[in-house]
Full PDB file with SEQRES, HELIX, SHEET, SSBOND, CRYST1, ORIGX, SCALE, CONECT and MASTER records, all heavy atoms in Angstrom:
SEQRES   1 A   39  ASP ILE LEU SER PHE PHE SER SER ALA PHE GLY VAL LYS          
SEQRES   2 A   39  ALA ASN PRO SER LEU ASP ASP TYR CYS LYS LEU TRP LYS          
SEQRES   3 A   39  ILE TRP GLU ASP SER ASN ARG GLU LEU SER ASN ALA ASP          
HELIX    1 AA1 LEU A    3  PHE A   10  1                                   8    
HELIX    2 AA2 LEU A   18  SER A   31  1                                  14    
CRYST1    1.000    1.000    1.000  90.00  90.00  90.00 P 1           1          
ORIGX1      1.000000  0.000000  0.000000        0.00000                         
ORIGX2      0.000000  1.000000  0.000000        0.00000                         
ORIGX3      0.000000  0.000000  1.000000        0.00000                         
SCALE1      1.000000  0.000000  0.000000        0.00000                         
SCALE2      0.000000  1.000000  0.000000        0.00000                         
SCALE3      0.000000  0.000000  1.000000        0.00000                         
ATOM      1  N   ASP A   1     100.517 -64.137   6.773  1.00  0.00           N  
ATOM      2  CA  ASP A   1     100.753 -64.903   8.003  1.00  0.00           C  
ATOM      3  C   ASP A   1     100.453 -64.121   9.270  1.00  0.00           C  
ATOM      4  O   ASP A   1     100.167 -64.714  10.313  1.00  0.00           O  
ATOM      5  CB  ASP A   1     102.212 -65.390   8.054  1.00  0.00           C  
ATOM      6  CG  ASP A   1     102.509 -66.400   6.964  1.00  0.00           C  
ATOM      7  OD1 ASP A   1     101.535 -66.912   6.381  1.00  0.00           O  
ATOM      8  OD2 ASP A   1     103.690 -66.666   6.693  1.00  0.00           O  
ATOM      9  N   ILE A   2     100.514 -62.803   9.202  1.00  0.00           N  
ATOM     10  CA  ILE A   2     100.334 -62.004  10.407  1.00  0.00           C  
ATOM     11  C   ILE A   2      98.894 -61.520  10.595  1.00  0.00           C  
ATOM     12  O   ILE A   2      98.535 -60.999  11.647  1.00  0.00           O  
ATOM     13  CB  ILE A   2     101.312 -60.795  10.406  1.00  0.00           C  
ATOM     14  CG1 ILE A   2     101.536 -60.291  11.836  1.00  0.00           C  
ATOM     15  CG2 ILE A   2     100.797 -59.671   9.512  1.00  0.00           C  
ATOM     16  CD1 ILE A   2     102.591 -59.207  11.936  1.00  0.00           C  
ATOM     17  N   LEU A   3      98.063 -61.712   9.599  1.00  0.00           N  
ATOM     18  CA  LEU A   3      96.687 -61.203   9.677  1.00  0.00           C  
ATOM     19  C   LEU A   3      95.891 -61.834  10.813  1.00  0.00           C  
ATOM     20  O   LEU A   3      95.094 -61.167  11.475  1.00  0.00           O  
ATOM     21  CB  LEU A   3      95.959 -61.431   8.352  1.00  0.00           C  
ATOM     22  CG  LEU A   3      96.488 -60.638   7.144  1.00  0.00           C  
ATOM     23  CD1 LEU A   3      95.653 -60.959   5.910  1.00  0.00           C  
ATOM     24  CD2 LEU A   3      96.478 -59.134   7.422  1.00  0.00           C  
ATOM     25  N   SER A   4      96.100 -63.129  11.060  1.00  0.00           N  
ATOM     26  CA  SER A   4      95.372 -63.794  12.144  1.00  0.00           C  
ATOM     27  C   SER A   4      95.735 -63.203  13.502  1.00  0.00           C  
ATOM     28  O   SER A   4      94.922 -63.205  14.434  1.00  0.00           O  
ATOM     29  CB  SER A   4      95.641 -65.290  12.132  1.00  0.00           C  
ATOM     30  OG  SER A   4      97.037 -65.538  12.279  1.00  0.00           O  
ATOM     31  N   PHE A   5      96.964 -62.661  13.634  1.00  0.00           N  
ATOM     32  CA  PHE A   5      97.376 -62.010  14.882  1.00  0.00           C  
ATOM     33  C   PHE A   5      96.525 -60.771  15.147  1.00  0.00           C  
ATOM     34  O   PHE A   5      96.080 -60.527  16.267  1.00  0.00           O  
ATOM     35  CB  PHE A   5      98.860 -61.622  14.808  1.00  0.00           C  
ATOM     36  CG  PHE A   5      99.271 -60.644  15.865  1.00  0.00           C  
ATOM     37  CD1 PHE A   5      99.413 -61.046  17.186  1.00  0.00           C  
ATOM     38  CD2 PHE A   5      99.504 -59.313  15.553  1.00  0.00           C  
ATOM     39  CE1 PHE A   5      99.779 -60.144  18.167  1.00  0.00           C  
ATOM     40  CE2 PHE A   5      99.877 -58.408  16.517  1.00  0.00           C  
ATOM     41  CZ  PHE A   5     100.014 -58.808  17.826  1.00  0.00           C  
ATOM     42  N   PHE A   6      96.277 -59.978  14.104  1.00  0.00           N  
ATOM     43  CA  PHE A   6      95.448 -58.785  14.284  1.00  0.00           C  
ATOM     44  C   PHE A   6      94.017 -59.164  14.689  1.00  0.00           C  
ATOM     45  O   PHE A   6      93.361 -58.452  15.430  1.00  0.00           O  
ATOM     46  CB  PHE A   6      95.414 -57.957  12.998  1.00  0.00           C  
ATOM     47  CG  PHE A   6      96.704 -57.272  12.698  1.00  0.00           C  
ATOM     48  CD1 PHE A   6      97.439 -57.601  11.572  1.00  0.00           C  
ATOM     49  CD2 PHE A   6      97.203 -56.288  13.537  1.00  0.00           C  
ATOM     50  CE1 PHE A   6      98.641 -56.968  11.297  1.00  0.00           C  
ATOM     51  CE2 PHE A   6      98.396 -55.653  13.266  1.00  0.00           C  
ATOM     52  CZ  PHE A   6      99.126 -55.988  12.147  1.00  0.00           C  
ATOM     53  N   SER A   7      93.554 -60.322  14.212  1.00  0.00           N  
ATOM     54  CA  SER A   7      92.221 -60.780  14.565  1.00  0.00           C  
ATOM     55  C   SER A   7      92.151 -61.214  16.025  1.00  0.00           C  
ATOM     56  O   SER A   7      91.246 -60.827  16.763  1.00  0.00           O  
ATOM     57  CB  SER A   7      91.807 -61.937  13.652  1.00  0.00           C  
ATOM     58  OG  SER A   7      90.573 -62.469  14.035  1.00  0.00           O  
ATOM     59  N   SER A   8      93.128 -62.011  16.470  1.00  0.00           N  
ATOM     60  CA  SER A   8      93.095 -62.549  17.832  1.00  0.00           C  
ATOM     61  C   SER A   8      93.498 -61.517  18.883  1.00  0.00           C  
ATOM     62  O   SER A   8      92.893 -61.434  19.946  1.00  0.00           O  
ATOM     63  CB  SER A   8      93.999 -63.780  17.927  1.00  0.00           C  
ATOM     64  OG  SER A   8      95.342 -63.432  17.600  1.00  0.00           O  
ATOM     65  N   ALA A   9      94.509 -60.712  18.586  1.00  0.00           N  
ATOM     66  CA  ALA A   9      95.023 -59.774  19.584  1.00  0.00           C  
ATOM     67  C   ALA A   9      94.232 -58.462  19.630  1.00  0.00           C  
ATOM     68  O   ALA A   9      94.050 -57.872  20.696  1.00  0.00           O  
ATOM     69  CB  ALA A   9      96.500 -59.470  19.305  1.00  0.00           C  
ATOM     70  N   PHE A  10      93.739 -58.011  18.486  1.00  0.00           N  
ATOM     71  CA  PHE A  10      93.081 -56.703  18.427  1.00  0.00           C  
ATOM     72  C   PHE A  10      91.594 -56.777  18.072  1.00  0.00           C  
ATOM     73  O   PHE A  10      90.906 -55.760  18.077  1.00  0.00           O  
ATOM     74  CB  PHE A  10      93.783 -55.816  17.389  1.00  0.00           C  
ATOM     75  CG  PHE A  10      95.170 -55.423  17.787  1.00  0.00           C  
ATOM     76  CD1 PHE A  10      96.269 -56.191  17.409  1.00  0.00           C  
ATOM     77  CD2 PHE A  10      95.388 -54.282  18.536  1.00  0.00           C  
ATOM     78  CE1 PHE A  10      97.549 -55.831  17.769  1.00  0.00           C  
ATOM     79  CE2 PHE A  10      96.673 -53.905  18.910  1.00  0.00           C  
ATOM     80  CZ  PHE A  10      97.757 -54.680  18.529  1.00  0.00           C  
ATOM     81  N   GLY A  11      91.113 -58.001  17.743  1.00  0.00           N  
ATOM     82  CA  GLY A  11      89.697 -58.144  17.427  1.00  0.00           C  
ATOM     83  C   GLY A  11      89.292 -57.532  16.098  1.00  0.00           C  
ATOM     84  O   GLY A  11      88.124 -57.157  15.911  1.00  0.00           O  
ATOM     85  N   VAL A  12      90.245 -57.429  15.166  1.00  0.00           N  
ATOM     86  CA  VAL A  12      89.916 -56.871  13.847  1.00  0.00           C  
ATOM     87  C   VAL A  12      89.027 -57.861  13.096  1.00  0.00           C  
ATOM     88  O   VAL A  12      89.322 -59.053  13.028  1.00  0.00           O  
ATOM     89  CB  VAL A  12      91.200 -56.587  13.030  1.00  0.00           C  
ATOM     90  CG1 VAL A  12      90.831 -56.106  11.623  1.00  0.00           C  
ATOM     91  CG2 VAL A  12      92.056 -55.550  13.741  1.00  0.00           C  
ATOM     92  N   LYS A  13      87.923 -57.374  12.561  1.00  0.00           N  
ATOM     93  CA  LYS A  13      87.002 -58.256  11.843  1.00  0.00           C  
ATOM     94  C   LYS A  13      87.596 -58.670  10.503  1.00  0.00           C  
ATOM     95  O   LYS A  13      88.357 -57.918   9.884  1.00  0.00           O  
ATOM     96  CB  LYS A  13      85.647 -57.580  11.648  1.00  0.00           C  
ATOM     97  CG  LYS A  13      85.705 -56.246  10.962  1.00  0.00           C  
ATOM     98  CD  LYS A  13      84.419 -55.463  11.209  1.00  0.00           C  
ATOM     99  CE  LYS A  13      84.566 -54.030  10.702  1.00  0.00           C  
ATOM    100  NZ  LYS A  13      83.499 -53.154  11.179  1.00  0.00           N  
ATOM    101  N   ALA A  14      87.210 -59.862  10.065  1.00  0.00           N  
ATOM    102  CA  ALA A  14      87.771 -60.402   8.833  1.00  0.00           C  
ATOM    103  C   ALA A  14      87.296 -59.640   7.607  1.00  0.00           C  
ATOM    104  O   ALA A  14      88.074 -59.354   6.696  1.00  0.00           O  
ATOM    105  CB  ALA A  14      87.424 -61.881   8.708  1.00  0.00           C  
ATOM    106  N   ASN A  15      86.008 -59.306   7.578  1.00  0.00           N  
ATOM    107  CA  ASN A  15      85.421 -58.646   6.417  1.00  0.00           C  
ATOM    108  C   ASN A  15      84.505 -57.512   6.868  1.00  0.00           C  
ATOM    109  O   ASN A  15      84.073 -57.481   8.023  1.00  0.00           O  
ATOM    110  CB  ASN A  15      84.605 -59.653   5.598  1.00  0.00           C  
ATOM    111  CG  ASN A  15      85.439 -60.803   5.069  1.00  0.00           C  
ATOM    112  OD1 ASN A  15      86.245 -60.621   4.162  1.00  0.00           O  
ATOM    113  ND2 ASN A  15      85.251 -61.990   5.641  1.00  0.00           N  
ATOM    114  N   PRO A  16      84.185 -56.583   5.995  1.00  0.00           N  
ATOM    115  CA  PRO A  16      83.249 -55.506   6.354  1.00  0.00           C  
ATOM    116  C   PRO A  16      81.910 -56.074   6.827  1.00  0.00           C  
ATOM    117  O   PRO A  16      81.421 -57.074   6.304  1.00  0.00           O  
ATOM    118  CB  PRO A  16      83.097 -54.722   5.041  1.00  0.00           C  
ATOM    119  CG  PRO A  16      84.360 -55.000   4.292  1.00  0.00           C  
ATOM    120  CD  PRO A  16      84.724 -56.417   4.626  1.00  0.00           C  
ATOM    121  N   SER A  17      81.320 -55.428   7.823  1.00  0.00           N  
ATOM    122  CA  SER A  17      80.067 -55.889   8.410  1.00  0.00           C  
ATOM    123  C   SER A  17      78.872 -55.229   7.716  1.00  0.00           C  
ATOM    124  O   SER A  17      79.027 -54.342   6.870  1.00  0.00           O  
ATOM    125  CB  SER A  17      80.036 -55.546   9.896  1.00  0.00           C  
ATOM    126  OG  SER A  17      80.031 -54.120  10.058  1.00  0.00           O  
ATOM    127  N   LEU A  18      77.683 -55.634   8.127  1.00  0.00           N  
ATOM    128  CA  LEU A  18      76.461 -55.024   7.605  1.00  0.00           C  
ATOM    129  C   LEU A  18      76.431 -53.528   7.906  1.00  0.00           C  
ATOM    130  O   LEU A  18      76.029 -52.723   7.067  1.00  0.00           O  
ATOM    131  CB  LEU A  18      75.241 -55.718   8.219  1.00  0.00           C  
ATOM    132  CG  LEU A  18      73.875 -55.130   7.859  1.00  0.00           C  
ATOM    133  CD1 LEU A  18      73.623 -55.184   6.356  1.00  0.00           C  
ATOM    134  CD2 LEU A  18      72.766 -55.866   8.621  1.00  0.00           C  
ATOM    135  N   ASP A  19      76.864 -53.156   9.099  1.00  0.00           N  
ATOM    136  CA  ASP A  19      76.913 -51.728   9.438  1.00  0.00           C  
ATOM    137  C   ASP A  19      77.843 -50.972   8.493  1.00  0.00           C  
ATOM    138  O   ASP A  19      77.546 -49.838   8.092  1.00  0.00           O  
ATOM    139  CB  ASP A  19      77.387 -51.555  10.896  1.00  0.00           C  
ATOM    140  CG  ASP A  19      76.378 -52.092  11.884  1.00  0.00           C  
ATOM    141  OD1 ASP A  19      75.343 -51.429  12.093  1.00  0.00           O  
ATOM    142  OD2 ASP A  19      76.610 -53.185  12.434  1.00  0.00           O  
ATOM    143  N   ASP A  20      78.973 -51.588   8.161  1.00  0.00           N  
ATOM    144  CA  ASP A  20      79.908 -50.949   7.228  1.00  0.00           C  
ATOM    145  C   ASP A  20      79.258 -50.756   5.855  1.00  0.00           C  
ATOM    146  O   ASP A  20      79.435 -49.713   5.216  1.00  0.00           O  
ATOM    147  CB  ASP A  20      81.179 -51.797   7.085  1.00  0.00           C  
ATOM    148  CG  ASP A  20      81.991 -51.861   8.362  1.00  0.00           C  
ATOM    149  OD1 ASP A  20      82.062 -50.834   9.059  1.00  0.00           O  
ATOM    150  OD2 ASP A  20      82.542 -52.935   8.661  1.00  0.00           O  
ATOM    151  N   TYR A  21      78.518 -51.763   5.411  1.00  0.00           N  
ATOM    152  CA  TYR A  21      77.840 -51.651   4.120  1.00  0.00           C  
ATOM    153  C   TYR A  21      76.794 -50.534   4.139  1.00  0.00           C  
ATOM    154  O   TYR A  21      76.637 -49.797   3.161  1.00  0.00           O  
ATOM    155  CB  TYR A  21      77.191 -52.987   3.735  1.00  0.00           C  
ATOM    156  CG  TYR A  21      78.127 -53.921   3.012  1.00  0.00           C  
ATOM    157  CD1 TYR A  21      78.978 -54.776   3.704  1.00  0.00           C  
ATOM    158  CD2 TYR A  21      78.179 -53.954   1.624  1.00  0.00           C  
ATOM    159  CE1 TYR A  21      79.852 -55.635   3.046  1.00  0.00           C  
ATOM    160  CE2 TYR A  21      79.045 -54.809   0.943  1.00  0.00           C  
ATOM    161  CZ  TYR A  21      79.875 -55.637   1.656  1.00  0.00           C  
ATOM    162  OH  TYR A  21      80.757 -56.481   0.988  1.00  0.00           O  
ATOM    163  N   CYS A  22      76.069 -50.414   5.259  1.00  0.00           N  
ATOM    164  CA  CYS A  22      75.071 -49.342   5.360  1.00  0.00           C  
ATOM    165  C   CYS A  22      75.737 -47.964   5.360  1.00  0.00           C  
ATOM    166  O   CYS A  22      75.239 -47.024   4.729  1.00  0.00           O  
ATOM    167  CB  CYS A  22      74.237 -49.520   6.629  1.00  0.00           C  
ATOM    168  SG  CYS A  22      73.025 -50.847   6.507  1.00  0.00           S  
ATOM    169  N   LYS A  23      76.864 -47.839   6.055  1.00  0.00           N  
ATOM    170  CA  LYS A  23      77.597 -46.566   6.051  1.00  0.00           C  
ATOM    171  C   LYS A  23      78.094 -46.240   4.646  1.00  0.00           C  
ATOM    172  O   LYS A  23      78.057 -45.076   4.212  1.00  0.00           O  
ATOM    173  CB  LYS A  23      78.779 -46.644   7.024  1.00  0.00           C  
ATOM    174  CG  LYS A  23      78.373 -46.659   8.494  1.00  0.00           C  
ATOM    175  CD  LYS A  23      79.583 -46.867   9.392  1.00  0.00           C  
ATOM    176  CE  LYS A  23      79.158 -46.995  10.848  1.00  0.00           C  
ATOM    177  NZ  LYS A  23      80.327 -47.287  11.731  1.00  0.00           N  
ATOM    178  N   LEU A  24      78.549 -47.264   3.935  1.00  0.00           N  
ATOM    179  CA  LEU A  24      79.020 -47.059   2.565  1.00  0.00           C  
ATOM    180  C   LEU A  24      77.875 -46.566   1.684  1.00  0.00           C  
ATOM    181  O   LEU A  24      78.045 -45.654   0.868  1.00  0.00           O  
ATOM    182  CB  LEU A  24      79.593 -48.371   2.013  1.00  0.00           C  
ATOM    183  CG  LEU A  24      80.048 -48.355   0.554  1.00  0.00           C  
ATOM    184  CD1 LEU A  24      81.226 -47.406   0.371  1.00  0.00           C  
ATOM    185  CD2 LEU A  24      80.417 -49.766   0.088  1.00  0.00           C  
ATOM    186  N   TRP A  25      76.707 -47.179   1.849  1.00  0.00           N  
ATOM    187  CA  TRP A  25      75.557 -46.757   1.036  1.00  0.00           C  
ATOM    188  C   TRP A  25      75.186 -45.306   1.330  1.00  0.00           C  
ATOM    189  O   TRP A  25      74.836 -44.551   0.414  1.00  0.00           O  
ATOM    190  CB  TRP A  25      74.367 -47.678   1.311  1.00  0.00           C  
ATOM    191  CG  TRP A  25      73.238 -47.466   0.342  1.00  0.00           C  
ATOM    192  CD1 TRP A  25      72.149 -46.671   0.499  1.00  0.00           C  
ATOM    193  CD2 TRP A  25      73.137 -48.034  -0.965  1.00  0.00           C  
ATOM    194  NE1 TRP A  25      71.349 -46.717  -0.609  1.00  0.00           N  
ATOM    195  CE2 TRP A  25      71.931 -47.545  -1.536  1.00  0.00           C  
ATOM    196  CE3 TRP A  25      73.923 -48.910  -1.714  1.00  0.00           C  
ATOM    197  CZ2 TRP A  25      71.508 -47.909  -2.810  1.00  0.00           C  
ATOM    198  CZ3 TRP A  25      73.496 -49.268  -2.977  1.00  0.00           C  
ATOM    199  CH2 TRP A  25      72.309 -48.768  -3.520  1.00  0.00           C  
ATOM    200  N   LYS A  26      75.257 -44.911   2.611  1.00  0.00           N  
ATOM    201  CA  LYS A  26      74.952 -43.516   2.972  1.00  0.00           C  
ATOM    202  C   LYS A  26      75.941 -42.566   2.309  1.00  0.00           C  
ATOM    203  O   LYS A  26      75.575 -41.469   1.867  1.00  0.00           O  
ATOM    204  CB  LYS A  26      74.984 -43.333   4.490  1.00  0.00           C  
ATOM    205  CG  LYS A  26      73.906 -44.083   5.233  1.00  0.00           C  
ATOM    206  CD  LYS A  26      72.509 -43.644   4.823  1.00  0.00           C  
ATOM    207  CE  LYS A  26      72.192 -42.224   5.250  1.00  0.00           C  
ATOM    208  NZ  LYS A  26      70.814 -41.830   4.879  1.00  0.00           N  
ATOM    209  N   ILE A  27      77.192 -42.963   2.222  1.00  0.00           N  
ATOM    210  CA  ILE A  27      78.204 -42.143   1.536  1.00  0.00           C  
ATOM    211  C   ILE A  27      77.846 -42.012   0.064  1.00  0.00           C  
ATOM    212  O   ILE A  27      77.933 -40.927  -0.524  1.00  0.00           O  
ATOM    213  CB  ILE A  27      79.608 -42.764   1.721  1.00  0.00           C  
ATOM    214  CG1 ILE A  27      80.055 -42.633   3.171  1.00  0.00           C  
ATOM    215  CG2 ILE A  27      80.620 -42.097   0.784  1.00  0.00           C  
ATOM    216  CD1 ILE A  27      81.326 -43.390   3.501  1.00  0.00           C  
ATOM    217  N   TRP A  28      77.427 -43.126  -0.544  1.00  0.00           N  
ATOM    218  CA  TRP A  28      77.007 -43.079  -1.948  1.00  0.00           C  
ATOM    219  C   TRP A  28      75.789 -42.177  -2.128  1.00  0.00           C  
ATOM    220  O   TRP A  28      75.698 -41.433  -3.094  1.00  0.00           O  
ATOM    221  CB  TRP A  28      76.684 -44.496  -2.434  1.00  0.00           C  
ATOM    222  CG  TRP A  28      77.894 -45.354  -2.657  1.00  0.00           C  
ATOM    223  CD1 TRP A  28      79.203 -44.932  -2.696  1.00  0.00           C  
ATOM    224  CD2 TRP A  28      77.926 -46.767  -2.880  1.00  0.00           C  
ATOM    225  NE1 TRP A  28      80.033 -46.000  -2.925  1.00  0.00           N  
ATOM    226  CE2 TRP A  28      79.288 -47.142  -3.047  1.00  0.00           C  
ATOM    227  CE3 TRP A  28      76.962 -47.756  -2.953  1.00  0.00           C  
ATOM    228  CZ2 TRP A  28      79.682 -48.453  -3.284  1.00  0.00           C  
ATOM    229  CZ3 TRP A  28      77.338 -49.077  -3.190  1.00  0.00           C  
ATOM    230  CH2 TRP A  28      78.691 -49.419  -3.355  1.00  0.00           C  
ATOM    231  N   GLU A  29      74.851 -42.258  -1.201  1.00  0.00           N  
ATOM    232  CA  GLU A  29      73.656 -41.407  -1.276  1.00  0.00           C  
ATOM    233  C   GLU A  29      74.045 -39.933  -1.245  1.00  0.00           C  
ATOM    234  O   GLU A  29      73.536 -39.119  -2.016  1.00  0.00           O  
ATOM    235  CB  GLU A  29      72.714 -41.716  -0.105  1.00  0.00           C  
ATOM    236  CG  GLU A  29      71.954 -43.016  -0.235  1.00  0.00           C  
ATOM    237  CD  GLU A  29      70.952 -43.205   0.891  1.00  0.00           C  
ATOM    238  OE1 GLU A  29      70.829 -42.296   1.744  1.00  0.00           O  
ATOM    239  OE2 GLU A  29      70.271 -44.246   0.930  1.00  0.00           O  
ATOM    240  N   ASP A  30      74.943 -39.578  -0.327  1.00  0.00           N  
ATOM    241  CA  ASP A  30      75.328 -38.173  -0.154  1.00  0.00           C  
ATOM    242  C   ASP A  30      76.181 -37.650  -1.302  1.00  0.00           C  
ATOM    243  O   ASP A  30      76.225 -36.446  -1.563  1.00  0.00           O  
ATOM    244  CB  ASP A  30      76.084 -37.996   1.171  1.00  0.00           C  
ATOM    245  CG  ASP A  30      75.207 -38.284   2.377  1.00  0.00           C  
ATOM    246  OD1 ASP A  30      73.973 -38.203   2.226  1.00  0.00           O  
ATOM    247  OD2 ASP A  30      75.744 -38.607   3.447  1.00  0.00           O  
ATOM    248  N   SER A  31      76.851 -38.562  -2.017  1.00  0.00           N  
ATOM    249  CA  SER A  31      77.758 -38.124  -3.075  1.00  0.00           C  
ATOM    250  C   SER A  31      77.029 -37.741  -4.362  1.00  0.00           C  
ATOM    251  O   SER A  31      77.567 -37.006  -5.193  1.00  0.00           O  
ATOM    252  CB  SER A  31      78.770 -39.230  -3.393  1.00  0.00           C  
ATOM    253  OG  SER A  31      78.126 -40.332  -4.012  1.00  0.00           O  
ATOM    254  N   ASN A  32      75.792 -38.246  -4.522  1.00  0.00           N  
ATOM    255  CA  ASN A  32      74.992 -37.968  -5.729  1.00  0.00           C  
ATOM    256  C   ASN A  32      75.712 -38.359  -7.023  1.00  0.00           C  
ATOM    257  O   ASN A  32      75.474 -37.771  -8.078  1.00  0.00           O  
ATOM    258  CB  ASN A  32      74.605 -36.483  -5.803  1.00  0.00           C  
ATOM    259  CG  ASN A  32      73.603 -36.125  -4.728  1.00  0.00           C  
ATOM    260  OD1 ASN A  32      72.683 -36.887  -4.437  1.00  0.00           O  
ATOM    261  ND2 ASN A  32      73.776 -34.956  -4.131  1.00  0.00           N  
ATOM    262  N   ARG A  33      76.597 -39.327  -6.934  1.00  0.00           N  
ATOM    263  CA  ARG A  33      77.312 -39.753  -8.138  1.00  0.00           C  
ATOM    264  C   ARG A  33      76.672 -41.006  -8.719  1.00  0.00           C  
ATOM    265  O   ARG A  33      75.920 -41.710  -8.047  1.00  0.00           O  
ATOM    266  CB  ARG A  33      78.786 -40.024  -7.813  1.00  0.00           C  
ATOM    267  CG  ARG A  33      79.038 -41.264  -6.962  1.00  0.00           C  
ATOM    268  CD  ARG A  33      80.517 -41.479  -6.727  1.00  0.00           C  
ATOM    269  NE  ARG A  33      80.805 -42.648  -5.910  1.00  0.00           N  
ATOM    270  CZ  ARG A  33      80.939 -43.879  -6.379  1.00  0.00           C  
ATOM    271  NH1 ARG A  33      80.823 -44.100  -7.671  1.00  0.00           N  
ATOM    272  NH2 ARG A  33      81.213 -44.884  -5.565  1.00  0.00           N  
ATOM    273  N   GLU A  34      76.966 -41.260  -9.966  1.00  0.00           N  
ATOM    274  CA  GLU A  34      76.491 -42.492 -10.588  1.00  0.00           C  
ATOM    275  C   GLU A  34      77.306 -43.675 -10.068  1.00  0.00           C  
ATOM    276  O   GLU A  34      78.516 -43.579  -9.905  1.00  0.00           O  
ATOM    277  CB  GLU A  34      76.611 -42.396 -12.111  1.00  0.00           C  
ATOM    278  CG  GLU A  34      75.679 -41.388 -12.738  1.00  0.00           C  
ATOM    279  CD  GLU A  34      75.695 -41.457 -14.253  1.00  0.00           C  
ATOM    280  OE1 GLU A  34      76.387 -42.334 -14.799  1.00  0.00           O  
ATOM    281  OE2 GLU A  34      75.018 -40.635 -14.881  1.00  0.00           O  
ATOM    282  N   LEU A  35      76.625 -44.751  -9.804  1.00  0.00           N  
ATOM    283  CA  LEU A  35      77.297 -45.973  -9.381  1.00  0.00           C  
ATOM    284  C   LEU A  35      77.444 -46.905 -10.573  1.00  0.00           C  
ATOM    285  O   LEU A  35      76.642 -46.875 -11.501  1.00  0.00           O  
ATOM    286  CB  LEU A  35      76.482 -46.675  -8.289  1.00  0.00           C  
ATOM    287  CG  LEU A  35      76.178 -45.894  -7.016  1.00  0.00           C  
ATOM    288  CD1 LEU A  35      75.382 -46.773  -6.058  1.00  0.00           C  
ATOM    289  CD2 LEU A  35      77.453 -45.419  -6.349  1.00  0.00           C  
ATOM    290  N   SER A  36      78.438 -47.739 -10.504  1.00  0.00           N  
ATOM    291  CA  SER A  36      78.600 -48.726 -11.576  1.00  0.00           C  
ATOM    292  C   SER A  36      77.723 -49.934 -11.284  1.00  0.00           C  
ATOM    293  O   SER A  36      77.302 -50.175 -10.141  1.00  0.00           O  
ATOM    294  CB  SER A  36      80.064 -49.170 -11.666  1.00  0.00           C  
ATOM    295  OG  SER A  36      80.424 -49.926 -10.526  1.00  0.00           O  
ATOM    296  N   ASN A  37      77.459 -50.697 -12.312  1.00  0.00           N  
ATOM    297  CA  ASN A  37      76.707 -51.939 -12.142  1.00  0.00           C  
ATOM    298  C   ASN A  37      77.446 -52.875 -11.180  1.00  0.00           C  
ATOM    299  O   ASN A  37      76.828 -53.560 -10.366  1.00  0.00           O  
ATOM    300  CB  ASN A  37      76.526 -52.615 -13.502  1.00  0.00           C  
ATOM    301  CG  ASN A  37      75.489 -53.721 -13.472  1.00  0.00           C  
ATOM    302  OD1 ASN A  37      74.362 -53.503 -13.072  1.00  0.00           O  
ATOM    303  ND2 ASN A  37      75.870 -54.910 -13.904  1.00  0.00           N  
ATOM    304  N   ALA A  38      78.781 -52.850 -11.222  1.00  0.00           N  
ATOM    305  CA  ALA A  38      79.586 -53.703 -10.337  1.00  0.00           C  
ATOM    306  C   ALA A  38      79.413 -53.307  -8.877  1.00  0.00           C  
ATOM    307  O   ALA A  38      79.335 -54.167  -7.989  1.00  0.00           O  
ATOM    308  CB  ALA A  38      81.055 -53.623 -10.736  1.00  0.00           C  
ATOM    309  N   ASP A  39      79.353 -51.984  -8.587  1.00  0.00           N  
ATOM    310  CA  ASP A  39      79.141 -51.514  -7.213  1.00  0.00           C  
ATOM    311  C   ASP A  39      77.815 -52.041  -6.667  1.00  0.00           C  
ATOM    312  O   ASP A  39      77.735 -52.528  -5.536  1.00  0.00           O  
ATOM    313  CB  ASP A  39      79.140 -49.990  -7.164  1.00  0.00           C  
ATOM    314  CG  ASP A  39      80.529 -49.398  -7.329  1.00  0.00           C  
ATOM    315  OD1 ASP A  39      81.517 -50.112  -7.074  1.00  0.00           O  
ATOM    316  OD2 ASP A  39      80.634 -48.217  -7.718  1.00  0.00           O  
TER     317      ASP A  39                                                      
MASTER        0    0    0    2    0    0    0    6  316    1    0    3          
END                                                                             
């Protein structure tokens, strides 16, 4: 019930953005670890 307050009052995005996904991929690149098929 309080999540919508964080969106309206603080501008918190509902879901990760494209930029977030790109940053995540860069972290995966730098980690040199195997990714799962699910990832």
